[in-house]
Amino acid sequence: MAVGHHPAGGGCENGRGRLGAAALPGQAAGKPVEPACVAWNDLGRLLKEGKVKKVYVPSSARALDDDECELVELARRTIDAHTDAGPDEDGIHTVGAAVMAADYRMFAGVNLYHFTGGPCAELVALGAARAQGARQMRCIVAVGNHGRGVIGPCGRDRQVFVDYYPAMRVIVPTPAGLRSVLAADLMPLAQRWAPESGMNGLDLSLYRDPDTAGPPIVRFHPRYLEVVRSGAKTRTTRFRDPAQLGPARLVFESDPEVVLAAEVTGVRHCLVSELTDQDAKAEGLTTAAELREALKGHYPDLSGTDEVDVITFQIDDNKGAA
């Protein structure tokens, strides 16, 4: 049994085939659980009952970071607000999903059950993200209504993830709790389908974590590609997105994505209020006030007392595209 796989037959959001509502460990029925990253884990019960002898947990599995916890909470809030079924009732909308784009924007959706095979919540959320301009996805999660917690994706969704977003992370329940794993690791030894070439043979590169298979990644919106290439932009200011000195890959989230080899030559920690006109000019802007206003577009809740990292970099012209 693959990690986090929903044991019910068919799609994981079939209102007539889903797992019934259940209290989380240590939770009385109907009581909220804090933090939101706690989920009911049916795998533990299956292991105790002897119905599952071993659970495969891939090496890419890791504990959730703060952004992933927020993603779980968004999916939970979405289905809590929009489910059409009461506890232990079948319904059309019983699972919510949330996906995080590479630029950390988050998008949500709910499933649309139909006996002909209505879309799962994860696919709805991916479509919503695309409609809002997101191209590369960082992480996705599905949560059941009425406190059922995080649900692993069904087989169809796993194949979709591998085909379109193999490096995306998926939040799944495991006997050890919630874990974030590479989408490709949920389909070991899978063949990948592509629109232009159909079904392809086994590609072992799918199973390499892009964040650890080379120099660290610094991600950018594609609108910054030309100013970075031209040298007009040599700094980037990040909030809760640290970088380290040394070789780096600048990844521009276009379709297809563009990767430039670079060197991070400086990392300065400061408050938003301490940003300077010099910082702004190195980012292709004019004043610190203009830079702070631009940061609001990426981080709407950013305040002057928040700490940011000012990252200085230079393109490695000898290596070209990474």
C-alpha atoms as a PDB file:
ATOM      1  CA  MET A   1       0.000   0.000   0.000  1.00  0.00           C
ATOM      2  CA  ALA A   2       1.510   3.310  -1.062  1.00  0.00           C
ATOM      3  CA  VAL A   3       1.991   6.065   1.468  1.00  0.00           C
ATOM      4  CA  GLY A   4      -1.140   8.020   2.282  1.00  0.00           C
ATOM      5  CA  HIS A   5      -3.316   6.212  -0.273  1.00  0.00           C
ATOM      6  CA  HIS A   6      -7.033   6.431   0.344  1.00  0.00           C
ATOM      7  CA  PRO A   7      -8.161   2.843   1.008  1.00  0.00           C
ATOM      8  CA  ALA A   8     -11.700   3.270  -0.308  1.00  0.00           C
ATOM      9  CA  GLY A   9     -12.343   2.048  -3.853  1.00  0.00           C
ATOM     10  CA  GLY A  10     -12.543   4.508  -6.721  1.00  0.00           C
ATOM     11  CA  GLY A  11     -11.776   8.197  -6.470  1.00  0.00           C
ATOM     12  CA  CYS A  12     -10.991   9.489  -3.021  1.00  0.00           C
ATOM     13  CA  GLU A  13     -13.819  12.035  -3.164  1.00  0.00           C
ATOM     14  CA  ASN A  14     -16.675   9.787  -4.217  1.00  0.00           C
ATOM     15  CA  GLY A  15     -19.369  10.792  -1.756  1.00  0.00           C
ATOM     16  CA  ARG A  16     -20.621   7.216  -1.712  1.00  0.00           C
ATOM     17  CA  GLY A  17     -17.206   5.576  -1.386  1.00  0.00           C
ATOM     18  CA  ARG A  18     -15.418   7.941   0.975  1.00  0.00           C
ATOM     19  CA  LEU A  19     -14.362   7.165   4.507  1.00  0.00           C
ATOM     20  CA  GLY A  20     -16.874   8.236   7.115  1.00  0.00           C
ATOM     21  CA  ALA A  21     -16.264  11.178   9.401  1.00  0.00           C
ATOM     22  CA  ALA A  22     -14.124  10.413  12.408  1.00  0.00           C
ATOM     23  CA  ALA A  23     -12.623  12.230  15.354  1.00  0.00           C
ATOM     24  CA  LEU A  24      -8.899  12.917  15.303  1.00  0.00           C
ATOM     25  CA  PRO A  25      -6.695  11.237  17.897  1.00  0.00           C
ATOM     26  CA  GLY A  26      -7.366  12.899  21.230  1.00  0.00           C
ATOM     27  CA  GLN A  27     -10.343  14.820  19.845  1.00  0.00           C
ATOM     28  CA  ALA A  28     -13.954  14.596  20.889  1.00  0.00           C
ATOM     29  CA  ALA A  29     -16.314  14.441  17.930  1.00  0.00           C
ATOM     30  CA  GLY A  30     -17.113  17.896  16.608  1.00  0.00           C
ATOM     31  CA  LYS A  31     -14.293  19.605  18.528  1.00  0.00           C
ATOM     32  CA  PRO A  32     -11.700  21.668  16.619  1.00  0.00           C
ATOM     33  CA  VAL A  33      -8.087  20.516  16.695  1.00  0.00           C
ATOM     34  CA  GLU A  34      -5.051  22.751  17.021  1.00  0.00           C
ATOM     35  CA  PRO A  35      -2.745  22.994  15.265  1.00  0.00           C
ATOM     36  CA  ALA A  36      -4.365  22.491  11.880  1.00  0.00           C
ATOM     37  CA  CYS A  37      -1.527  20.197  10.788  1.00  0.00           C
ATOM     38  CA  VAL A  38      -2.931  17.333  12.854  1.00  0.00           C
ATOM     39  CA  ALA A  39      -4.896  14.870  10.740  1.00  0.00           C
ATOM     40  CA  TRP A  40      -6.873  11.720  11.288  1.00  0.00           C
ATOM     41  CA  ASN A  41      -4.668   8.882  10.060  1.00  0.00           C
ATOM     42  CA  ASP A  42      -6.489   5.747   8.931  1.00  0.00           C
ATOM     43  CA  LEU A  43      -3.203   4.041   8.132  1.00  0.00           C
ATOM     44  CA  GLY A  44      -2.474   3.590  11.834  1.00  0.00           C
ATOM     45  CA  ARG A  45      -5.732   1.702  12.304  1.00  0.00           C
ATOM     46  CA  LEU A  46      -5.091  -0.498   9.284  1.00  0.00           C
ATOM     47  CA  LEU A  47      -1.643  -1.355  10.607  1.00  0.00           C
ATOM     48  CA  LYS A  48      -3.016  -2.274  14.043  1.00  0.00           C
ATOM     49  CA  GLU A  49      -5.703  -4.461  12.484  1.00  0.00           C
ATOM     50  CA  GLY A  50      -3.114  -6.292  10.411  1.00  0.00           C
ATOM     51  CA  LYS A  51      -4.753  -5.311   7.134  1.00  0.00           C
ATOM     52  CA  VAL A  52      -1.568  -3.520   6.099  1.00  0.00           C
ATOM     53  CA  LYS A  53       1.781  -5.115   6.906  1.00  0.00           C
ATOM     54  CA  LYS A  54       4.067  -2.330   5.754  1.00  0.00           C
ATOM     55  CA  VAL A  55       3.646   1.260   4.639  1.00  0.00           C
ATOM     56  CA  TYR A  56       5.987   2.629   1.999  1.00  0.00           C
ATOM     57  CA  VAL A  57       7.324   6.045   3.011  1.00  0.00           C
ATOM     58  CA  PRO A  58       9.716   7.464   0.385  1.00  0.00           C
ATOM     59  CA  SER A  59      13.036   9.033   1.258  1.00  0.00           C
ATOM     60  CA  SER A  60      11.766  12.452   0.106  1.00  0.00           C
ATOM     61  CA  ALA A  61       9.247  12.509   2.985  1.00  0.00           C
ATOM     62  CA  ARG A  62       9.806  15.298   5.493  1.00  0.00           C
ATOM     63  CA  ALA A  63       7.898  17.176   8.167  1.00  0.00           C
ATOM     64  CA  LEU A  64       5.721  20.093   7.077  1.00  0.00           C
ATOM     65  CA  ASP A  65       7.061  23.627   7.063  1.00  0.00           C
ATOM     66  CA  ASP A  66       4.990  26.654   8.081  1.00  0.00           C
ATOM     67  CA  ASP A  67       3.790  27.355   4.530  1.00  0.00           C
ATOM     68  CA  GLU A  68       2.610  23.757   4.122  1.00  0.00           C
ATOM     69  CA  CYS A  69       0.765  23.949   7.427  1.00  0.00           C
ATOM     70  CA  GLU A  70      -0.971  27.083   6.167  1.00  0.00           C
ATOM     71  CA  LEU A  71      -1.887  25.209   2.978  1.00  0.00           C
ATOM     72  CA  VAL A  72      -3.534  22.436   5.015  1.00  0.00           C
ATOM     73  CA  GLU A  73      -5.502  25.035   6.937  1.00  0.00           C
ATOM     74  CA  LEU A  74      -6.682  26.705   3.714  1.00  0.00           C
ATOM     75  CA  ALA A  75      -7.963  23.377   2.359  1.00  0.00           C
ATOM     76  CA  ARG A  76      -9.732  22.675   5.660  1.00  0.00           C
ATOM     77  CA  ARG A  77     -11.383  26.105   5.776  1.00  0.00           C
ATOM     78  CA  THR A  78     -12.477  25.766   2.162  1.00  0.00           C
ATOM     79  CA  ILE A  79     -14.321  22.473   2.574  1.00  0.00           C
ATOM     80  CA  ASP A  80     -15.717  23.447   5.974  1.00  0.00           C
ATOM     81  CA  ALA A  81     -17.247  26.531   4.364  1.00  0.00           C
ATOM     82  CA  HIS A  82     -18.543  24.887   1.194  1.00  0.00           C
ATOM     83  CA  THR A  83     -19.417  21.244   1.841  1.00  0.00           C
ATOM     84  CA  ASP A  84     -22.997  20.295   1.071  1.00  0.00           C
ATOM     85  CA  ALA A  85     -23.087  17.226   3.339  1.00  0.00           C
ATOM     86  CA  GLY A  86     -23.607  16.839   7.054  1.00  0.00           C
ATOM     87  CA  PRO A  87     -21.525  14.473   9.236  1.00  0.00           C
ATOM     88  CA  ASP A  88     -21.782  10.878   7.950  1.00  0.00           C
ATOM     89  CA  GLU A  89     -23.784  12.041   4.928  1.00  0.00           C
ATOM     90  CA  ASP A  90     -23.005  11.569   1.258  1.00  0.00           C
ATOM     91  CA  GLY A  91     -22.618  14.719  -0.777  1.00  0.00           C
ATOM     92  CA  ILE A  92     -21.417  16.317  -3.969  1.00  0.00           C
ATOM     93  CA  HIS A  93     -18.743  18.456  -2.288  1.00  0.00           C
ATOM     94  CA  THR A  94     -16.960  16.551   0.496  1.00  0.00           C
ATOM     95  CA  VAL A  95     -13.237  17.300   0.008  1.00  0.00           C
ATOM     96  CA  GLY A  96     -11.317  20.556  -0.269  1.00  0.00           C
ATOM     97  CA  ALA A  97      -7.873  20.988  -1.755  1.00  0.00           C
ATOM     98  CA  ALA A  98      -5.294  23.755  -1.802  1.00  0.00           C
ATOM     99  CA  VAL A  99      -2.259  24.159  -4.031  1.00  0.00           C
ATOM    100  CA  MET A 100       0.731  26.443  -3.490  1.00  0.00           C
ATOM    101  CA  ALA A 101       2.392  27.944  -6.551  1.00  0.00           C
ATOM    102  CA  ALA A 102       6.131  28.467  -6.809  1.00  0.00           C
ATOM    103  CA  ASP A 103       5.675  32.108  -5.788  1.00  0.00           C
ATOM    104  CA  TYR A 104       3.836  30.946  -2.624  1.00  0.00           C
ATOM    105  CA  ARG A 105       0.395  32.076  -3.753  1.00  0.00           C
ATOM    106  CA  MET A 106      -2.284  29.618  -2.657  1.00  0.00           C
ATOM    107  CA  PHE A 107      -5.411  28.503  -4.503  1.00  0.00           C
ATOM    108  CA  ALA A 108      -8.271  26.326  -3.311  1.00  0.00           C
ATOM    109  CA  GLY A 109     -11.067  24.207  -4.750  1.00  0.00           C
ATOM    110  CA  VAL A 110     -13.594  21.531  -3.824  1.00  0.00           C
ATOM    111  CA  ASN A 111     -14.444  18.258  -5.515  1.00  0.00           C
ATOM    112  CA  LEU A 112     -17.509  17.848  -7.726  1.00  0.00           C
ATOM    113  CA  TYR A 113     -18.769  14.295  -7.289  1.00  0.00           C
ATOM    114  CA  HIS A 114     -20.598  12.655 -10.174  1.00  0.00           C
ATOM    115  CA  PHE A 115     -21.068   8.977 -10.949  1.00  0.00           C
ATOM    116  CA  THR A 116     -19.407   9.520 -14.351  1.00  0.00           C
ATOM    117  CA  GLY A 117     -16.207  10.589 -12.611  1.00  0.00           C
ATOM    118  CA  GLY A 118     -16.413  14.199 -11.489  1.00  0.00           C
ATOM    119  CA  PRO A 119     -13.105  15.965 -10.777  1.00  0.00           C
ATOM    120  CA  CYS A 120     -11.299  15.531  -7.481  1.00  0.00           C
ATOM    121  CA  ALA A 121     -10.627  18.626  -5.395  1.00  0.00           C
ATOM    122  CA  GLU A 122      -6.915  18.550  -6.232  1.00  0.00           C
ATOM    123  CA  LEU A 123      -7.610  18.853  -9.972  1.00  0.00           C
ATOM    124  CA  VAL A 124     -10.090  21.677  -9.379  1.00  0.00           C
ATOM    125  CA  ALA A 125      -7.482  23.550  -7.309  1.00  0.00           C
ATOM    126  CA  LEU A 126      -4.834  23.051 -10.013  1.00  0.00           C
ATOM    127  CA  GLY A 127      -7.208  24.458 -12.621  1.00  0.00           C
ATOM    128  CA  ALA A 128      -7.981  27.453 -10.424  1.00  0.00           C
ATOM    129  CA  ALA A 129      -4.266  28.120  -9.971  1.00  0.00           C
ATOM    130  CA  ARG A 130      -3.691  28.028 -13.713  1.00  0.00           C
ATOM    131  CA  ALA A 131      -6.606  30.401 -14.289  1.00  0.00           C
ATOM    132  CA  GLN A 132      -4.925  32.916 -11.968  1.00  0.00           C
ATOM    133  CA  GLY A 133      -1.600  32.788 -13.810  1.00  0.00           C
ATOM    134  CA  ALA A 134       0.301  30.163 -11.777  1.00  0.00           C
ATOM    135  CA  ARG A 135       2.437  27.844 -13.886  1.00  0.00           C
ATOM    136  CA  GLN A 136       4.795  25.967 -11.553  1.00  0.00           C
ATOM    137  CA  MET A 137       3.371  24.338  -8.421  1.00  0.00           C
ATOM    138  CA  ARG A 138       5.176  23.851  -5.133  1.00  0.00           C
ATOM    139  CA  CYS A 139       2.793  21.758  -3.011  1.00  0.00           C
ATOM    140  CA  ILE A 140      -0.761  20.375  -2.873  1.00  0.00           C
ATOM    141  CA  VAL A 141      -3.032  18.855  -0.204  1.00  0.00           C
ATOM    142  CA  ALA A 142      -6.593  17.527   0.119  1.00  0.00           C
ATOM    143  CA  VAL A 143      -8.672  17.600   3.315  1.00  0.00           C
ATOM    144  CA  GLY A 144     -11.968  15.840   4.045  1.00  0.00           C
ATOM    145  CA  ASN A 145     -15.021  17.574   5.461  1.00  0.00           C
ATOM    146  CA  HIS A 146     -16.145  17.375   9.097  1.00  0.00           C
ATOM    147  CA  GLY A 147     -12.725  16.822  10.625  1.00  0.00           C
ATOM    148  CA  ARG A 148     -11.657  13.872   8.472  1.00  0.00           C
ATOM    149  CA  GLY A 149      -8.254  15.467   8.042  1.00  0.00           C
ATOM    150  CA  VAL A 150      -5.728  15.162   5.239  1.00  0.00           C
ATOM    151  CA  ILE A 151      -6.500  12.571   2.570  1.00  0.00           C
ATOM    152  CA  GLY A 152      -3.908  11.055   0.237  1.00  0.00           C
ATOM    153  CA  PRO A 153      -4.603  11.475  -3.495  1.00  0.00           C
ATOM    154  CA  CYS A 154      -6.348   8.763  -5.491  1.00  0.00           C
ATOM    155  CA  GLY A 155      -4.510   6.832  -8.196  1.00  0.00           C
ATOM    156  CA  ARG A 156      -5.774   9.027 -11.027  1.00  0.00           C
ATOM    157  CA  ASP A 157      -4.588  12.189  -9.301  1.00  0.00           C
ATOM    158  CA  ARG A 158      -1.175  10.658  -8.626  1.00  0.00           C
ATOM    159  CA  GLN A 159      -0.746   9.928 -12.321  1.00  0.00           C
ATOM    160  CA  VAL A 160      -1.788  13.507 -13.167  1.00  0.00           C
ATOM    161  CA  PHE A 161       0.788  14.849 -10.688  1.00  0.00           C
ATOM    162  CA  VAL A 162       3.560  12.690 -12.169  1.00  0.00           C
ATOM    163  CA  ASP A 163       2.645  13.661 -15.734  1.00  0.00           C
ATOM    164  CA  TYR A 164       2.385  17.413 -15.168  1.00  0.00           C
ATOM    165  CA  TYR A 165       4.058  18.303 -11.844  1.00  0.00           C
ATOM    166  CA  PRO A 166       6.503  15.512 -10.857  1.00  0.00           C
ATOM    167  CA  ALA A 167       8.590  17.848  -8.664  1.00  0.00           C
ATOM    168  CA  MET A 168       5.555  19.191  -6.785  1.00  0.00           C
ATOM    169  CA  ARG A 169       5.226  18.092  -3.170  1.00  0.00           C
ATOM    170  CA  VAL A 170       2.117  16.351  -1.882  1.00  0.00           C
ATOM    171  CA  ILE A 171       1.030  16.356   1.763  1.00  0.00           C
ATOM    172  CA  VAL A 172      -0.091  12.890   2.852  1.00  0.00           C
ATOM    173  CA  PRO A 173      -0.921  11.110   6.123  1.00  0.00           C
ATOM    174  CA  THR A 174       1.546   8.476   7.325  1.00  0.00           C
ATOM    175  CA  PRO A 175       1.718   6.435  10.542  1.00  0.00           C
ATOM    176  CA  ALA A 176       4.193   9.062  11.786  1.00  0.00           C
ATOM    177  CA  GLY A 177       1.832  11.951  10.982  1.00  0.00           C
ATOM    178  CA  LEU A 178       1.596  14.344   8.058  1.00  0.00           C
ATOM    179  CA  ARG A 179       4.524  14.349   5.665  1.00  0.00           C
ATOM    180  CA  SER A 180       5.417  16.256   2.503  1.00  0.00           C
ATOM    181  CA  VAL A 181       6.698  14.002  -0.312  1.00  0.00           C
ATOM    182  CA  LEU A 182       7.626  14.432  -3.968  1.00  0.00           C
ATOM    183  CA  ALA A 183       4.717  13.683  -6.281  1.00  0.00           C
ATOM    184  CA  ALA A 184       6.852  11.304  -8.337  1.00  0.00           C
ATOM    185  CA  ASP A 185       7.548   9.238  -5.222  1.00  0.00           C
ATOM    186  CA  LEU A 186       3.836   8.464  -4.906  1.00  0.00           C
ATOM    187  CA  MET A 187       4.075   6.505  -8.166  1.00  0.00           C
ATOM    188  CA  PRO A 188       7.274   4.413  -7.939  1.00  0.00           C
ATOM    189  CA  LEU A 189       8.611   3.240 -11.314  1.00  0.00           C
ATOM    190  CA  ALA A 190       5.764   5.018 -13.112  1.00  0.00           C
ATOM    191  CA  GLN A 191       5.653   5.781 -16.806  1.00  0.00           C
ATOM    192  CA  ARG A 192       4.965   9.405 -17.575  1.00  0.00           C
ATOM    193  CA  TRP A 193       2.460  10.602 -20.185  1.00  0.00           C
ATOM    194  CA  ALA A 194       3.014  13.849 -22.083  1.00  0.00           C
ATOM    195  CA  PRO A 195       0.601  15.572 -24.530  1.00  0.00           C
ATOM    196  CA  GLU A 196       3.235  15.872 -27.250  1.00  0.00           C
ATOM    197  CA  SER A 197       4.688  12.347 -27.065  1.00  0.00           C
ATOM    198  CA  GLY A 198       2.149  10.129 -25.332  1.00  0.00           C
ATOM    199  CA  MET A 199       3.307   7.454 -22.899  1.00  0.00           C
ATOM    200  CA  ASN A 200       7.043   7.445 -22.235  1.00  0.00           C
ATOM    201  CA  GLY A 201       9.387   4.910 -20.709  1.00  0.00           C
ATOM    202  CA  LEU A 202      10.736   4.991 -17.173  1.00  0.00           C
ATOM    203  CA  ASP A 203      12.598   8.249 -16.467  1.00  0.00           C
ATOM    204  CA  LEU A 204      14.666   7.967 -13.299  1.00  0.00           C
ATOM    205  CA  SER A 205      15.283  11.730 -13.308  1.00  0.00           C
ATOM    206  CA  LEU A 206      11.674  12.130 -12.095  1.00  0.00           C
ATOM    207  CA  TYR A 207      12.751  10.781  -8.719  1.00  0.00           C
ATOM    208  CA  ARG A 208      15.466  13.350  -8.080  1.00  0.00           C
ATOM    209  CA  ASP A 209      14.392  16.132  -5.762  1.00  0.00           C
ATOM    210  CA  PRO A 210      15.079  19.331  -7.765  1.00  0.00           C
ATOM    211  CA  ASP A 211      15.825  21.226  -4.567  1.00  0.00           C
ATOM    212  CA  THR A 212      18.665  18.835  -3.647  1.00  0.00           C
ATOM    213  CA  ALA A 213      19.892  17.611  -7.066  1.00  0.00           C
ATOM    214  CA  GLY A 214      22.103  20.647  -7.654  1.00  0.00           C
ATOM    215  CA  PRO A 215      22.912  24.121  -6.308  1.00  0.00           C
ATOM    216  CA  PRO A 216      20.192  25.723  -4.164  1.00  0.00           C
ATOM    217  CA  ILE A 217      17.243  27.226  -6.035  1.00  0.00           C
ATOM    218  CA  VAL A 218      16.177  30.881  -5.884  1.00  0.00           C
ATOM    219  CA  ARG A 219      12.780  31.262  -7.567  1.00  0.00           C
ATOM    220  CA  PHE A 220      11.606  34.309  -9.520  1.00  0.00           C
ATOM    221  CA  HIS A 221       8.471  35.470 -11.282  1.00  0.00           C
ATOM    222  CA  PRO A 222       9.109  35.288 -15.050  1.00  0.00           C
ATOM    223  CA  ARG A 223       8.648  39.057 -15.426  1.00  0.00           C
ATOM    224  CA  TYR A 224      12.100  39.494 -13.829  1.00  0.00           C
ATOM    225  CA  LEU A 225      13.936  37.324 -16.375  1.00  0.00           C
ATOM    226  CA  GLU A 226      15.131  40.066 -18.716  1.00  0.00           C
ATOM    227  CA  VAL A 227      16.206  42.511 -15.999  1.00  0.00           C
ATOM    228  CA  VAL A 228      18.179  39.742 -14.296  1.00  0.00           C
ATOM    229  CA  ARG A 229      19.763  38.627 -17.550  1.00  0.00           C
ATOM    230  CA  SER A 230      20.703  42.210 -18.446  1.00  0.00           C
ATOM    231  CA  GLY A 231      22.252  42.863 -15.040  1.00  0.00           C
ATOM    232  CA  ALA A 232      19.749  45.596 -14.173  1.00  0.00           C
ATOM    233  CA  LYS A 233      18.579  43.490 -11.211  1.00  0.00           C
ATOM    234  CA  THR A 234      21.320  42.028  -8.984  1.00  0.00           C
ATOM    235  CA  ARG A 235      19.440  41.749  -5.695  1.00  0.00           C
ATOM    236  CA  THR A 236      16.231  40.188  -4.467  1.00  0.00           C
ATOM    237  CA  THR A 237      14.513  40.760  -1.135  1.00  0.00           C
ATOM    238  CA  ARG A 238      12.877  37.704   0.447  1.00  0.00           C
ATOM    239  CA  PHE A 239      10.602  37.112   3.411  1.00  0.00           C
ATOM    240  CA  ARG A 240      10.832  33.684   5.043  1.00  0.00           C
ATOM    241  CA  ASP A 241      12.654  32.386   1.967  1.00  0.00           C
ATOM    242  CA  PRO A 242      16.332  32.167   2.977  1.00  0.00           C
ATOM    243  CA  ALA A 243      19.293  31.722   0.644  1.00  0.00           C
ATOM    244  CA  GLN A 244      22.919  30.768   1.194  1.00  0.00           C
ATOM    245  CA  LEU A 245      26.215  32.026  -0.174  1.00  0.00           C
ATOM    246  CA  GLY A 246      27.685  30.164  -3.124  1.00  0.00           C
ATOM    247  CA  PRO A 247      26.461  28.625  -6.382  1.00  0.00           C
ATOM    248  CA  ALA A 248      22.732  28.887  -7.038  1.00  0.00           C
ATOM    249  CA  ARG A 249      20.105  28.220  -9.685  1.00  0.00           C
ATOM    250  CA  LEU A 250      17.818  31.132 -10.505  1.00  0.00           C
ATOM    251  CA  VAL A 251      14.541  29.530 -11.580  1.00  0.00           C
ATOM    252  CA  PHE A 252      12.013  31.667 -13.452  1.00  0.00           C
ATOM    253  CA  GLU A 253       8.523  30.195 -13.191  1.00  0.00           C
ATOM    254  CA  SER A 254       7.619  30.533 -16.851  1.00  0.00           C
ATOM    255  CA  ASP A 255       6.158  27.805 -19.038  1.00  0.00           C
ATOM    256  CA  PRO A 256       8.579  26.200 -19.708  1.00  0.00           C
ATOM    257  CA  GLU A 257      10.692  27.408 -16.826  1.00  0.00           C
ATOM    258  CA  VAL A 258      14.072  29.082 -17.392  1.00  0.00           C
ATOM    259  CA  VAL A 259      17.056  28.306 -15.161  1.00  0.00           C
ATOM    260  CA  LEU A 260      20.157  30.506 -14.938  1.00  0.00           C
ATOM    261  CA  ALA A 261      23.381  29.527 -13.197  1.00  0.00           C
ATOM    262  CA  ALA A 262      24.420  32.165 -10.664  1.00  0.00           C
ATOM    263  CA  GLU A 263      26.450  32.909  -7.559  1.00  0.00           C
ATOM    264  CA  VAL A 264      24.937  34.327  -4.368  1.00  0.00           C
ATOM    265  CA  THR A 265      27.574  36.781  -3.206  1.00  0.00           C
ATOM    266  CA  GLY A 266      25.817  38.331  -0.231  1.00  0.00           C
ATOM    267  CA  VAL A 267      22.971  37.794   2.221  1.00  0.00           C
ATOM    268  CA  ARG A 268      22.004  40.636   4.558  1.00  0.00           C
ATOM    269  CA  HIS A 269      19.324  40.375   7.241  1.00  0.00           C
ATOM    270  CA  CYS A 270      17.420  43.554   8.021  1.00  0.00           C
ATOM    271  CA  LEU A 271      13.991  44.912   8.864  1.00  0.00           C
ATOM    272  CA  VAL A 272      11.700  46.036   6.068  1.00  0.00           C
ATOM    273  CA  SER A 273      11.954  49.558   7.485  1.00  0.00           C
ATOM    274  CA  GLU A 274      15.758  49.401   7.125  1.00  0.00           C
ATOM    275  CA  LEU A 275      15.774  48.789   3.358  1.00  0.00           C
ATOM    276  CA  THR A 276      17.726  51.481   1.513  1.00  0.00           C
ATOM    277  CA  ASP A 277      17.578  53.341  -1.794  1.00  0.00           C
ATOM    278  CA  GLN A 278      20.717  51.389  -2.763  1.00  0.00           C
ATOM    279  CA  ASP A 279      18.787  48.125  -2.237  1.00  0.00           C
ATOM    280  CA  ALA A 280      16.022  49.467  -4.467  1.00  0.00           C
ATOM    281  CA  LYS A 281      18.409  50.498  -7.265  1.00  0.00           C
ATOM    282  CA  ALA A 282      20.027  47.050  -7.241  1.00  0.00           C
ATOM    283  CA  GLU A 283      16.544  45.636  -7.873  1.00  0.00           C
ATOM    284  CA  GLY A 284      15.914  47.962 -10.819  1.00  0.00           C
ATOM    285  CA  LEU A 285      13.821  50.405  -8.772  1.00  0.00           C
ATOM    286  CA  THR A 286      14.491  53.941  -7.504  1.00  0.00           C
ATOM    287  CA  THR A 287      13.701  54.371  -3.797  1.00  0.00           C
ATOM    288  CA  ALA A 288      13.329  52.256  -0.691  1.00  0.00           C
ATOM    289  CA  ALA A 289       9.687  53.293  -0.503  1.00  0.00           C
ATOM    290  CA  GLU A 290       9.145  51.959  -4.013  1.00  0.00           C
ATOM    291  CA  LEU A 291      10.850  48.697  -3.044  1.00  0.00           C
ATOM    292  CA  ARG A 292       8.671  48.304   0.055  1.00  0.00           C
ATOM    293  CA  GLU A 293       5.574  48.895  -2.061  1.00  0.00           C
ATOM    294  CA  ALA A 294       6.733  46.270  -4.588  1.00  0.00           C
ATOM    295  CA  LEU A 295       7.290  43.759  -1.789  1.00  0.00           C
ATOM    296  CA  LYS A 296       3.661  44.211  -0.775  1.00  0.00           C
ATOM    297  CA  GLY A 297       2.713  42.671  -4.110  1.00  0.00           C
ATOM    298  CA  HIS A 298       4.512  39.476  -3.111  1.00  0.00           C
ATOM    299  CA  TYR A 299       3.847  39.579   0.626  1.00  0.00           C
ATOM    300  CA  PRO A 300       0.579  41.487   1.274  1.00  0.00           C
ATOM    301  CA  ASP A 301       0.830  41.221   5.068  1.00  0.00           C
ATOM    302  CA  LEU A 302       4.461  42.396   5.266  1.00  0.00           C
ATOM    303  CA  SER A 303       5.079  45.111   7.853  1.00  0.00           C
ATOM    304  CA  GLY A 304       7.969  47.439   8.551  1.00  0.00           C
ATOM    305  CA  THR A 305       8.985  45.384  11.594  1.00  0.00           C
ATOM    306  CA  ASP A 306       9.300  42.101   9.670  1.00  0.00           C
ATOM    307  CA  GLU A 307      12.800  40.791   8.983  1.00  0.00           C
ATOM    308  CA  VAL A 308      13.794  40.093   5.382  1.00  0.00           C
ATOM    309  CA  ASP A 309      16.860  38.753   3.579  1.00  0.00           C
ATOM    310  CA  VAL A 310      18.494  40.985   0.960  1.00  0.00           C
ATOM    311  CA  ILE A 311      20.198  38.559  -1.436  1.00  0.00           C
ATOM    312  CA  THR A 312      22.887  39.806  -3.821  1.00  0.00           C
ATOM    313  CA  PHE A 313      23.727  37.610  -6.810  1.00  0.00           C
ATOM    314  CA  GLN A 314      25.509  37.600 -10.133  1.00  0.00           C
ATOM    315  CA  ILE A 315      24.847  35.522 -13.232  1.00  0.00           C
ATOM    316  CA  ASP A 316      27.529  32.964 -14.103  1.00  0.00           C
ATOM    317  CA  ASP A 317      27.995  33.754 -17.804  1.00  0.00           C
ATOM    318  CA  ASN A 318      30.456  30.893 -18.208  1.00  0.00           C
ATOM    319  CA  LYS A 319      27.786  28.320 -17.385  1.00  0.00           C
ATOM    320  CA  GLY A 320      24.807  29.937 -19.129  1.00  0.00           C
ATOM    321  CA  ALA A 321      21.514  28.201 -18.472  1.00  0.00           C
ATOM    322  CA  ALA A 322      21.709  25.595 -15.720  1.00  0.00           C
END
